[in-house]
Structure formats: structure tokens, C-alpha cells
Protein backbone atom coordinates (compact mmCIF):
# COMPACT_ATOMS: atom_id res chain seq x y z
CA MET A 1 -35.52 -50.80 -38.72
CA LEU A 2 -35.53 -50.84 -42.53
CA GLN A 3 -32.32 -52.91 -42.59
CA VAL A 4 -33.73 -55.47 -40.23
CA LEU A 5 -36.80 -55.88 -42.44
CA GLY A 6 -34.69 -55.98 -45.57
CA ALA A 7 -32.77 -58.88 -44.00
CA CYS A 8 -35.80 -61.05 -43.19
CA SER A 9 -36.55 -64.09 -45.33
CA SER A 10 -39.32 -64.26 -47.63
CA ILE A 11 -41.59 -67.20 -46.77
CA ASP A 12 -43.06 -67.61 -50.13
CA GLY A 13 -40.18 -66.39 -52.46
CA HIS A 14 -42.53 -63.99 -54.11
CA ASN A 15 -39.68 -61.53 -55.23
CA LEU A 16 -37.66 -64.31 -56.93
CA VAL A 17 -37.78 -64.34 -60.76
CA PRO A 18 -38.03 -67.73 -62.47
CA GLY A 19 -35.28 -68.24 -65.04
CA GLN A 20 -33.22 -65.40 -63.49
CA SER A 21 -32.90 -66.02 -59.80
CA THR A 22 -30.13 -68.56 -58.83
CA VAL A 23 -29.95 -71.14 -56.10
CA ASN A 24 -28.04 -68.53 -54.09
CA ASP A 25 -30.85 -65.98 -54.49
CA VAL A 26 -33.40 -68.67 -53.31
CA VAL A 27 -31.29 -69.39 -50.19
CA ALA A 28 -30.60 -65.71 -49.55
CA THR A 29 -34.25 -64.83 -49.80
CA MET A 30 -36.06 -67.96 -48.30
CA GLY A 31 -33.25 -69.13 -46.00
CA PRO A 32 -31.70 -72.52 -45.91
CA PRO A 33 -34.18 -75.31 -47.07
CA ALA A 34 -35.54 -77.74 -44.42
CA ASP A 35 -35.07 -80.56 -46.97
CA LYS A 36 -33.67 -81.03 -50.59
CA ARG A 37 -34.90 -83.66 -52.95
CA ILE A 38 -34.18 -84.59 -56.63
CA GLY A 39 -37.27 -84.07 -58.91
CA PRO A 40 -38.32 -86.36 -61.83
CA GLN A 41 -36.64 -84.04 -64.46
CA GLY A 42 -33.45 -83.83 -62.64
CA GLU A 43 -34.33 -80.55 -60.87
CA THR A 44 -33.56 -80.01 -57.16
CA ILE A 45 -36.52 -79.23 -54.99
CA PHE A 46 -35.88 -77.13 -51.87
CA TRP A 47 -38.57 -77.42 -49.29
CA TYR A 48 -39.69 -74.72 -46.99
CA PRO A 49 -42.45 -76.00 -44.81
CA GLN A 50 -44.23 -73.41 -42.62
CA LEU A 51 -45.85 -75.99 -40.51
CA PRO A 52 -47.81 -76.11 -38.25
CA TRP A 53 -49.00 -72.47 -37.97
CA GLY A 54 -48.20 -71.27 -41.47
CA HIS A 55 -50.38 -74.02 -43.02
CA ALA A 56 -48.21 -74.06 -46.22
CA SER A 57 -45.21 -76.04 -47.66
CA TYR A 58 -43.34 -74.18 -50.31
CA ALA A 59 -41.21 -76.00 -52.97
CA ALA A 60 -38.59 -74.12 -54.76
CA LEU A 61 -37.57 -76.07 -57.96
CA ILE A 62 -34.08 -75.44 -59.07
CA ALA A 63 -32.98 -76.44 -62.59
CA PRO A 64 -29.68 -78.38 -63.02
CA ASP A 65 -28.09 -75.16 -64.29
CA GLY A 66 -28.78 -73.59 -60.77
CA ARG A 67 -31.67 -71.25 -61.88
CA LEU A 68 -35.03 -71.13 -60.26
CA ILE A 69 -37.81 -72.68 -62.29
CA HIS A 70 -40.57 -71.64 -59.88
CA VAL A 71 -41.87 -71.53 -56.29
CA GLU A 72 -45.04 -73.05 -55.39
CA GLN A 73 -47.24 -73.82 -52.47
CA ARG A 74 -47.76 -77.66 -52.36
CA LEU A 75 -50.51 -78.10 -49.60
CA THR A 76 -53.36 -77.69 -51.95
CA GLU A 77 -56.61 -79.65 -52.48
CA ALA A 78 -55.60 -80.58 -55.89
CA ASN A 79 -52.34 -82.16 -54.51
CA ILE A 80 -53.95 -83.85 -51.54
CA SER A 81 -56.51 -85.45 -53.80
CA LYS A 82 -53.52 -87.35 -55.61
CA VAL A 83 -52.65 -89.04 -52.23
CA VAL A 84 -54.71 -92.20 -52.51
CA LYS A 85 -54.23 -95.92 -51.29
CA GLY A 86 -51.19 -97.49 -52.73
CA VAL A 87 -49.21 -94.27 -53.39
CA SER A 88 -45.58 -94.70 -51.99
CA ALA A 89 -44.22 -92.69 -49.14
CA THR A 90 -41.60 -91.18 -51.48
CA GLU A 91 -44.25 -89.87 -53.85
CA VAL A 92 -46.25 -88.25 -50.97
CA ARG A 93 -43.05 -86.61 -49.69
CA ASP A 94 -42.10 -85.37 -53.19
CA LEU A 95 -45.63 -84.13 -53.58
CA LEU A 96 -46.36 -82.43 -50.29
CA GLY A 97 -42.92 -82.08 -48.61
CA PRO A 98 -41.79 -83.02 -45.12
CA PRO A 99 -44.65 -83.71 -42.84
CA PHE A 100 -45.29 -82.12 -39.49
CA GLU A 101 -44.55 -84.39 -36.57
CA PRO A 102 -44.39 -87.84 -38.12
CA GLY A 103 -44.97 -90.78 -35.83
CA VAL A 104 -45.64 -94.38 -35.67
CA TYR A 105 -48.69 -96.21 -34.37
CA HIS A 106 -47.62 -99.74 -33.63
CA PRO A 107 -50.96 -101.40 -32.95
CA LEU A 108 -52.15 -100.69 -36.48
CA GLU A 109 -48.56 -101.03 -38.01
CA ARG A 110 -48.78 -97.57 -39.48
CA GLU A 111 -46.66 -94.47 -39.84
CA ILE A 112 -48.75 -91.16 -39.43
CA TRP A 113 -47.70 -88.10 -41.37
CA THR A 114 -49.73 -84.89 -40.59
CA TYR A 115 -49.91 -81.79 -42.71
CA PRO A 116 -51.67 -78.67 -41.26
CA MET A 117 -53.31 -76.77 -44.12
CA ARG A 118 -56.19 -74.50 -45.15
CA ILE A 119 -58.94 -75.28 -47.40
CA GLN A 120 -60.58 -72.51 -49.32
CA GLY A 121 -63.90 -71.71 -47.93
CA ALA A 122 -63.38 -73.55 -44.58
CA SER A 123 -63.63 -71.46 -41.56
CA LEU A 124 -61.34 -73.78 -39.45
CA PRO A 125 -57.71 -74.94 -40.31
CA LYS A 126 -57.37 -78.58 -41.24
CA TRP A 127 -55.01 -81.46 -40.94
CA PHE A 128 -54.44 -83.76 -43.79
CA VAL A 129 -53.41 -87.01 -42.15
CA VAL A 130 -51.66 -89.78 -44.19
CA GLN A 131 -51.42 -93.36 -42.80
CA LEU A 132 -48.60 -95.43 -44.34
CA SER A 133 -48.08 -99.18 -43.90
CA LEU A 134 -44.90 -99.97 -42.02
CA ASP A 135 -44.34 -103.07 -44.24
CA ASP A 136 -44.36 -101.68 -47.70
CA HIS A 137 -44.52 -97.92 -46.84
CA THR A 138 -47.48 -97.11 -49.04
CA VAL A 139 -50.52 -95.02 -48.26
CA ARG A 140 -53.34 -97.13 -46.56
CA GLU A 141 -55.74 -94.21 -45.58
CA THR A 142 -56.06 -90.46 -45.57
CA TYR A 143 -58.13 -88.14 -43.54
CA LEU A 144 -58.95 -84.47 -43.77
CA MET A 145 -60.08 -83.20 -40.42
CA ASP A 146 -60.44 -79.99 -38.38
CA ASP A 147 -57.15 -79.04 -36.65
CA PRO A 148 -57.46 -80.41 -33.11
CA ASN A 149 -55.15 -77.62 -31.78
CA PHE A 150 -57.15 -74.75 -33.11
CA THR A 151 -58.37 -72.17 -30.58
CA ALA A 152 -60.38 -69.24 -31.72
CA LYS A 153 -58.48 -65.87 -31.44
CA ASP A 154 -60.96 -64.73 -28.70
CA GLY A 155 -59.80 -67.83 -26.59
CA CYS A 156 -63.32 -69.21 -26.72
CA CYS A 157 -64.62 -72.43 -28.19
CA ARG A 158 -61.81 -74.72 -28.98
CA ARG A 159 -63.02 -76.62 -32.02
CA ASN A 160 -62.32 -80.37 -32.67
């Protein structure tokens, strides 16, 4: 049983050491990334979204020399506050990572990106919803709403 547990991936990379752990250590610990993007200082960002049920999206930043810079959870109140009207889709994805179930709503000519997340002090999980214009692919509106799929553990009282 110990061998099985030792082989499991670490969702948040807590045992990795910035400056010492290599890209191979990151992949061995966290698994293959769901997405890879180049960051503003030439670093590579490995994305590990835990959506929808984990309510987190971890970014492992890898320096050009292949060493880990750090791992951080990107679905935070501070980060979603930066997603405002006019921000590009690329900036949103670079900040928050891959969305959960992106879709298109043709009547409004919008692409909809959803990020299930937790807000400190809120009793219910939330969805951060980003509406992007189809013509210029920039943010038009954002919403923070209660998770419509949430059901209390006792099975009672689905909350919307």
C-alpha cells in the first residue's frame, strides 16, 4: 500500500523545492501538465487545473534552465479581480489557466469560460464566469456566482 501512495501525483507540488527541483521532478510529482504556455520572462508555465471539483488551478513556473521557480494556485480573489472589461483572452488564460468547459453563446456573440473556485469565507463553492467577445476576443463581462452544480453533502438543498 505504501508503494501505491508513493507513486501518486502531488496535486499542488508541495514537496517540490524552488531552485532545486527540475522540470522532470515537476512532471514526476504532479504528472503531465494539462497545458504549457510561455510566460512574460521566458519561463514555461505548466498548468495543472483541478477543475471542476478541486476548485484550483496550479501553475508550475519553470525557468529557462529547467529549474522550478515556484508552484502557485492561480484561482484567487486577487487574480480574478484583474480580469476586467477589455483584457484579452490570452491574458486571462495566462493568469487563470485553462477554463473548465469553455463554450460559445452565439446569440450574444460571446465565448464563455468558467472557473469553479472557492472564495475564503463563502460557504458555497463559486463559479467565476468570463464572457469574451467573439470578434476581438477580449473580456466583455465577468460574474462570480454560486456553483449551480453544488449539492450539500447530506443530499439536501441544492443551492443556486
